[in-house]
Amino acid sequence: MPRVKRGAKRRQKRKKLLGLAKGFFLNKSKLYRAAKEAVDRAGNFAYVGRKRKKRDFRRLWIIRINAAARANDISYSQFMAGLKRAGIGLDRKSLADIAVKDAAGFTRLVESARAAKAPAPAKATA
């Protein structure tokens, strides 16, 4: 079997990895082994961060909707249940945007959620 010295491939691989580690502190941006460990670790954090971002934004939207709903004397859960009963299928991102930018529009949504009250439970006769 012929001997393989890798040549340009090894240099390309190292250059690519050190490029990913550019801006890292001390040896982590200069030495291959330290850079490799740092880039792997950074990649793991980035992966987790992409998942967290979705959670964090949903929490933010819920907080904004809740604040606007309570300003209109209704709780978040009652507001969302009322919207569902009224057949208004807006997502939380849109609702939060309306709550921040269009208070009058949000008030109209609150009124339609209030109007769609759940039917009173039937009394059991025994």
N, C-alpha and C. Protein backbone atom coordinates (compact mmCIF):
# COMPACT_ATOMS: atom_id res chain seq x y z
N MET A 1 0.85 -1.18 0.00
CA MET A 1 0.00 0.00 0.00
C MET A 1 0.90 1.25 0.00
N PRO A 2 0.58 2.23 -0.84
CA PRO A 2 1.45 3.41 -0.90
C PRO A 2 1.33 4.29 0.34
N ARG A 3 2.40 4.96 0.63
CA ARG A 3 2.45 5.89 1.77
C ARG A 3 1.71 7.18 1.40
N VAL A 4 0.87 7.66 2.33
CA VAL A 4 0.11 8.88 2.08
C VAL A 4 0.55 9.95 3.08
N LYS A 5 0.97 11.10 2.58
CA LYS A 5 1.43 12.18 3.45
C LYS A 5 0.38 13.28 3.60
N ARG A 6 -0.72 13.15 2.95
CA ARG A 6 -1.89 14.06 2.99
C ARG A 6 -1.65 15.41 2.31
N GLY A 7 -0.47 15.97 2.42
CA GLY A 7 -0.16 17.19 1.69
C GLY A 7 -1.12 18.34 1.95
N ALA A 8 -1.73 18.85 0.88
CA ALA A 8 -2.57 20.05 0.97
C ALA A 8 -3.83 19.82 1.79
N LYS A 9 -4.32 18.59 1.79
CA LYS A 9 -5.58 18.29 2.50
C LYS A 9 -5.47 18.61 3.99
N ARG A 10 -4.36 18.23 4.59
CA ARG A 10 -4.15 18.48 6.02
C ARG A 10 -4.14 19.98 6.30
N ARG A 11 -3.43 20.72 5.44
CA ARG A 11 -3.36 22.17 5.61
C ARG A 11 -4.74 22.81 5.47
N GLN A 12 -5.50 22.36 4.48
CA GLN A 12 -6.85 22.89 4.27
C GLN A 12 -7.75 22.63 5.48
N LYS A 13 -7.64 21.42 6.01
CA LYS A 13 -8.47 21.04 7.16
C LYS A 13 -8.13 21.92 8.38
N ARG A 14 -6.83 22.10 8.63
CA ARG A 14 -6.41 22.91 9.77
C ARG A 14 -6.77 24.37 9.59
N LYS A 15 -6.60 24.86 8.37
CA LYS A 15 -6.91 26.26 8.08
C LYS A 15 -8.40 26.53 8.28
N LYS A 16 -9.23 25.59 7.84
CA LYS A 16 -10.68 25.73 8.00
C LYS A 16 -11.06 25.78 9.49
N LEU A 17 -10.46 24.87 10.28
CA LEU A 17 -10.78 24.83 11.70
C LEU A 17 -10.28 26.08 12.42
N LEU A 18 -9.10 26.54 12.09
CA LEU A 18 -8.58 27.75 12.73
C LEU A 18 -9.38 28.98 12.31
N GLY A 19 -9.94 28.94 11.12
CA GLY A 19 -10.84 30.01 10.69
C GLY A 19 -12.11 30.05 11.53
N LEU A 20 -12.62 28.87 11.89
CA LEU A 20 -13.80 28.80 12.76
C LEU A 20 -13.48 29.30 14.17
N ALA A 21 -12.21 29.14 14.58
CA ALA A 21 -11.80 29.55 15.93
C ALA A 21 -11.30 30.99 15.97
N LYS A 22 -11.41 31.72 14.87
CA LYS A 22 -10.90 33.09 14.82
C LYS A 22 -11.62 33.94 15.85
N GLY A 23 -10.86 34.70 16.63
CA GLY A 23 -11.44 35.55 17.66
C GLY A 23 -11.53 34.89 19.02
N PHE A 24 -11.22 33.59 19.10
CA PHE A 24 -11.22 32.92 20.39
C PHE A 24 -10.01 33.39 21.20
N PHE A 25 -10.04 33.18 22.51
CA PHE A 25 -9.04 33.71 23.43
C PHE A 25 -7.77 32.86 23.45
N LEU A 26 -6.62 33.52 23.42
CA LEU A 26 -5.30 32.91 23.58
C LEU A 26 -5.09 31.73 22.63
N ASN A 27 -4.68 30.58 23.19
CA ASN A 27 -4.30 29.43 22.37
C ASN A 27 -5.46 28.85 21.57
N LYS A 28 -6.66 29.10 22.01
CA LYS A 28 -7.83 28.51 21.34
C LYS A 28 -8.00 29.00 19.91
N SER A 29 -7.33 30.12 19.58
CA SER A 29 -7.42 30.62 18.20
C SER A 29 -6.15 30.35 17.41
N LYS A 30 -5.14 29.75 18.07
CA LYS A 30 -3.84 29.61 17.40
C LYS A 30 -3.38 28.15 17.27
N LEU A 31 -3.57 27.36 18.30
CA LEU A 31 -3.07 25.99 18.31
C LEU A 31 -4.18 25.02 17.91
N TYR A 32 -3.83 24.09 17.03
CA TYR A 32 -4.85 23.22 16.42
C TYR A 32 -5.67 22.42 17.44
N ARG A 33 -4.98 21.77 18.37
CA ARG A 33 -5.70 20.90 19.30
C ARG A 33 -6.65 21.71 20.20
N ALA A 34 -6.15 22.82 20.73
CA ALA A 34 -6.99 23.68 21.58
C ALA A 34 -8.13 24.27 20.77
N ALA A 35 -7.85 24.65 19.53
CA ALA A 35 -8.89 25.24 18.68
C ALA A 35 -9.96 24.21 18.37
N LYS A 36 -9.54 22.97 18.12
CA LYS A 36 -10.50 21.91 17.80
C LYS A 36 -11.46 21.68 18.96
N GLU A 37 -10.92 21.62 20.16
CA GLU A 37 -11.77 21.43 21.35
C GLU A 37 -12.72 22.61 21.52
N ALA A 38 -12.20 23.82 21.34
CA ALA A 38 -13.01 25.02 21.53
C ALA A 38 -14.12 25.11 20.48
N VAL A 39 -13.79 24.76 19.24
CA VAL A 39 -14.79 24.82 18.15
C VAL A 39 -15.87 23.76 18.37
N ASP A 40 -15.47 22.56 18.81
CA ASP A 40 -16.46 21.51 19.11
C ASP A 40 -17.40 21.97 20.22
N ARG A 41 -16.83 22.55 21.25
CA ARG A 41 -17.64 23.02 22.38
C ARG A 41 -18.57 24.16 21.94
N ALA A 42 -18.04 25.08 21.15
CA ALA A 42 -18.84 26.20 20.66
C ALA A 42 -19.99 25.69 19.78
N GLY A 43 -19.69 24.66 18.99
CA GLY A 43 -20.73 24.08 18.14
C GLY A 43 -21.86 23.48 18.95
N ASN A 44 -21.51 22.84 20.06
CA ASN A 44 -22.54 22.27 20.94
C ASN A 44 -23.42 23.37 21.53
N PHE A 45 -22.77 24.46 21.98
CA PHE A 45 -23.54 25.57 22.54
C PHE A 45 -24.45 26.19 21.48
N ALA A 46 -23.95 26.31 20.26
CA ALA A 46 -24.74 26.89 19.17
C ALA A 46 -25.96 26.03 18.88
N TYR A 47 -25.77 24.70 18.89
CA TYR A 47 -26.88 23.78 18.63
C TYR A 47 -27.96 23.92 19.69
N VAL A 48 -27.54 23.93 20.95
CA VAL A 48 -28.49 24.08 22.05
C VAL A 48 -29.17 25.45 21.97
N GLY A 49 -28.40 26.47 21.61
CA GLY A 49 -28.94 27.82 21.51
C GLY A 49 -30.03 27.95 20.47
N ARG A 50 -29.89 27.22 19.36
CA ARG A 50 -30.93 27.27 18.33
C ARG A 50 -32.23 26.67 18.84
N LYS A 51 -32.15 25.70 19.71
CA LYS A 51 -33.36 25.12 20.31
C LYS A 51 -33.95 26.07 21.36
N ARG A 52 -33.06 26.65 22.17
CA ARG A 52 -33.50 27.57 23.23
C ARG A 52 -34.19 28.80 22.67
N LYS A 53 -33.72 29.28 21.53
CA LYS A 53 -34.23 30.50 20.91
C LYS A 53 -35.74 30.39 20.70
N LYS A 54 -36.20 29.25 20.27
CA LYS A 54 -37.62 29.03 20.03
C LYS A 54 -38.41 29.13 21.34
N ARG A 55 -37.86 28.51 22.39
CA ARG A 55 -38.51 28.57 23.71
C ARG A 55 -38.55 29.99 24.24
N ASP A 56 -37.42 30.69 24.11
CA ASP A 56 -37.31 32.03 24.66
C ASP A 56 -38.27 33.00 23.99
N PHE A 57 -38.39 32.90 22.67
CA PHE A 57 -39.31 33.79 21.97
C PHE A 57 -40.75 33.50 22.33
N ARG A 58 -41.10 32.21 22.46
CA ARG A 58 -42.47 31.87 22.85
C ARG A 58 -42.79 32.45 24.23
N ARG A 59 -41.83 32.33 25.17
CA ARG A 59 -42.02 32.92 26.51
C ARG A 59 -42.22 34.42 26.43
N LEU A 60 -41.42 35.09 25.60
CA LEU A 60 -41.54 36.54 25.44
C LEU A 60 -42.91 36.92 24.91
N TRP A 61 -43.39 36.17 23.89
CA TRP A 61 -44.70 36.48 23.31
C TRP A 61 -45.80 36.30 24.34
N ILE A 62 -45.72 35.24 25.12
CA ILE A 62 -46.74 34.99 26.14
C ILE A 62 -46.74 36.09 27.18
N ILE A 63 -45.55 36.55 27.58
CA ILE A 63 -45.46 37.63 28.57
C ILE A 63 -46.10 38.90 28.02
N ARG A 64 -45.84 39.22 26.76
CA ARG A 64 -46.41 40.43 26.14
C ARG A 64 -47.92 40.33 26.01
N ILE A 65 -48.41 39.18 25.60
CA ILE A 65 -49.86 38.99 25.46
C ILE A 65 -50.53 39.09 26.82
N ASN A 66 -49.93 38.47 27.83
CA ASN A 66 -50.48 38.50 29.18
C ASN A 66 -50.56 39.93 29.71
N ALA A 67 -49.50 40.70 29.50
CA ALA A 67 -49.48 42.09 29.98
C ALA A 67 -50.58 42.90 29.31
N ALA A 68 -50.74 42.73 28.01
CA ALA A 68 -51.77 43.49 27.28
C ALA A 68 -53.16 43.01 27.67
N ALA A 69 -53.31 41.71 27.90
CA ALA A 69 -54.62 41.18 28.28
C ALA A 69 -55.01 41.69 29.67
N ARG A 70 -54.07 41.70 30.60
CA ARG A 70 -54.37 42.18 31.95
C ARG A 70 -54.65 43.68 31.96
N ALA A 71 -54.08 44.41 31.02
CA ALA A 71 -54.42 45.83 30.89
C ALA A 71 -55.87 46.00 30.45
N ASN A 72 -56.42 44.94 29.84
CA ASN A 72 -57.83 44.94 29.42
C ASN A 72 -58.70 44.10 30.37
N ASP A 73 -58.20 43.87 31.58
CA ASP A 73 -58.94 43.16 32.64
C ASP A 73 -59.37 41.75 32.26
N ILE A 74 -58.46 41.00 31.70
CA ILE A 74 -58.72 39.59 31.41
C ILE A 74 -57.40 38.84 31.56
N SER A 75 -57.45 37.60 32.03
CA SER A 75 -56.21 36.84 32.19
C SER A 75 -55.80 36.24 30.85
N TYR A 76 -54.55 35.84 30.78
CA TYR A 76 -54.01 35.26 29.55
C TYR A 76 -54.79 34.01 29.16
N SER A 77 -55.01 33.13 30.13
CA SER A 77 -55.67 31.86 29.81
C SER A 77 -57.11 32.07 29.35
N GLN A 78 -57.82 33.00 30.00
CA GLN A 78 -59.20 33.30 29.58
C GLN A 78 -59.20 33.92 28.18
N PHE A 79 -58.24 34.77 27.91
CA PHE A 79 -58.14 35.43 26.60
C PHE A 79 -57.89 34.39 25.50
N MET A 80 -56.93 33.51 25.73
CA MET A 80 -56.60 32.50 24.71
C MET A 80 -57.76 31.52 24.51
N ALA A 81 -58.42 31.14 25.59
CA ALA A 81 -59.56 30.23 25.48
C ALA A 81 -60.70 30.91 24.72
N GLY A 82 -60.93 32.20 25.00
CA GLY A 82 -61.97 32.95 24.30
C GLY A 82 -61.68 33.07 22.82
N LEU A 83 -60.43 33.31 22.47
CA LEU A 83 -60.06 33.39 21.05
C LEU A 83 -60.31 32.06 20.35
N LYS A 84 -59.98 30.99 21.03
CA LYS A 84 -60.18 29.66 20.45
C LYS A 84 -61.67 29.39 20.21
N ARG A 85 -62.49 29.74 21.21
CA ARG A 85 -63.95 29.56 21.06
C ARG A 85 -64.52 30.45 19.97
N ALA A 86 -63.95 31.64 19.81
CA ALA A 86 -64.43 32.57 18.79
C ALA A 86 -63.94 32.18 17.39
N GLY A 87 -63.05 31.21 17.32
CA GLY A 87 -62.55 30.75 16.03
C GLY A 87 -61.49 31.67 15.44
N ILE A 88 -60.83 32.44 16.29
CA ILE A 88 -59.76 33.33 15.83
C ILE A 88 -58.44 32.57 15.98
N GLY A 89 -57.85 32.21 14.87
CA GLY A 89 -56.66 31.35 14.89
C GLY A 89 -55.35 32.08 14.75
N LEU A 90 -55.17 33.17 15.48
CA LEU A 90 -53.90 33.90 15.43
C LEU A 90 -52.87 33.22 16.33
N ASP A 91 -51.65 33.16 15.86
CA ASP A 91 -50.59 32.57 16.70
C ASP A 91 -50.06 33.60 17.70
N ARG A 92 -49.27 33.12 18.65
CA ARG A 92 -48.79 33.99 19.73
C ARG A 92 -47.87 35.09 19.22
N LYS A 93 -47.11 34.79 18.19
CA LYS A 93 -46.21 35.79 17.62
C LYS A 93 -47.01 36.98 17.08
N SER A 94 -48.07 36.68 16.33
CA SER A 94 -48.92 37.75 15.77
C SER A 94 -49.64 38.51 16.88
N LEU A 95 -50.15 37.78 17.85
CA LEU A 95 -50.86 38.42 18.96
C LEU A 95 -49.94 39.36 19.74
N ALA A 96 -48.71 38.93 19.98
CA ALA A 96 -47.75 39.77 20.70
C ALA A 96 -47.43 41.02 19.90
N ASP A 97 -47.32 40.88 18.59
CA ASP A 97 -47.03 42.02 17.73
C ASP A 97 -48.19 43.01 17.76
N ILE A 98 -49.42 42.49 17.71
CA ILE A 98 -50.61 43.36 17.78
C ILE A 98 -50.66 44.05 19.14
N ALA A 99 -50.36 43.30 20.21
CA ALA A 99 -50.39 43.86 21.56
C ALA A 99 -49.42 45.02 21.71
N VAL A 100 -48.25 44.92 21.08
CA VAL A 100 -47.23 45.96 21.20
C VAL A 100 -47.54 47.15 20.31
N LYS A 101 -47.95 46.89 19.06
CA LYS A 101 -48.05 47.95 18.07
C LYS A 101 -49.45 48.54 17.88
N ASP A 102 -50.50 47.77 18.23
CA ASP A 102 -51.87 48.22 17.95
C ASP A 102 -52.77 47.91 19.14
N ALA A 103 -52.75 48.78 20.13
CA ALA A 103 -53.52 48.55 21.37
C ALA A 103 -55.02 48.48 21.09
N ALA A 104 -55.52 49.33 20.18
CA ALA A 104 -56.95 49.34 19.87
C ALA A 104 -57.37 48.02 19.22
N GLY A 105 -56.54 47.53 18.33
CA GLY A 105 -56.82 46.24 17.69
C GLY A 105 -56.83 45.10 18.69
N PHE A 106 -55.90 45.16 19.64
CA PHE A 106 -55.85 44.12 20.67
C PHE A 106 -57.09 44.18 21.55
N THR A 107 -57.56 45.41 21.84
CA THR A 107 -58.78 45.57 22.64
C THR A 107 -59.97 44.94 21.92
N ARG A 108 -60.05 45.09 20.60
CA ARG A 108 -61.13 44.46 19.83
C ARG A 108 -61.03 42.93 19.92
N LEU A 109 -59.82 42.40 19.90
CA LEU A 109 -59.65 40.96 20.06
C LEU A 109 -60.11 40.49 21.44
N VAL A 110 -59.81 41.30 22.47
CA VAL A 110 -60.24 40.96 23.83
C VAL A 110 -61.77 40.94 23.90
N GLU A 111 -62.41 41.92 23.27
CA GLU A 111 -63.88 41.97 23.27
C GLU A 111 -64.47 40.76 22.58
N SER A 112 -63.90 40.35 21.46
CA SER A 112 -64.43 39.17 20.77
C SER A 112 -64.17 37.90 21.58
N ALA A 113 -63.07 37.86 22.33
CA ALA A 113 -62.78 36.71 23.20
C ALA A 113 -63.78 36.67 24.35
N ARG A 114 -64.12 37.84 24.89
CA ARG A 114 -65.12 37.90 25.98
C ARG A 114 -66.50 37.50 25.48
N ALA A 115 -66.84 37.90 24.26
CA ALA A 115 -68.17 37.62 23.71
C ALA A 115 -68.37 36.12 23.48
N ALA A 116 -67.32 35.40 23.24
CA ALA A 116 -67.41 33.96 22.97
C ALA A 116 -67.28 33.17 24.26
N LYS A 117 -68.12 33.48 25.22
CA LYS A 117 -68.05 32.77 26.50
C LYS A 117 -68.47 31.31 26.33
N ALA A 118 -67.95 30.49 27.20
CA ALA A 118 -68.31 29.07 27.16
C ALA A 118 -69.74 28.92 27.67
N PRO A 119 -70.48 27.99 27.09
CA PRO A 119 -71.84 27.76 27.59
C PRO A 119 -71.80 27.28 29.03
N ALA A 120 -72.80 27.69 29.80
CA ALA A 120 -72.86 27.30 31.21
C ALA A 120 -73.08 25.80 31.29
N PRO A 121 -72.40 25.14 32.23
CA PRO A 121 -72.57 23.67 32.33
C PRO A 121 -73.99 23.33 32.75
N ALA A 122 -74.53 22.30 32.14
CA ALA A 122 -75.90 21.87 32.46
C ALA A 122 -75.94 21.26 33.86
N LYS A 123 -77.02 21.57 34.59
CA LYS A 123 -77.15 21.04 35.95
C LYS A 123 -77.65 19.60 35.88
N ALA A 124 -77.05 18.77 36.68
CA ALA A 124 -77.45 17.37 36.72
C ALA A 124 -78.69 17.24 37.59
N THR A 125 -79.69 16.53 37.09
CA THR A 125 -80.91 16.29 37.88
C THR A 125 -80.88 14.88 38.41
N ALA A 126 -80.99 14.79 39.73
CA ALA A 126 -80.95 13.45 40.32
C ALA A 126 -82.01 13.30 41.37
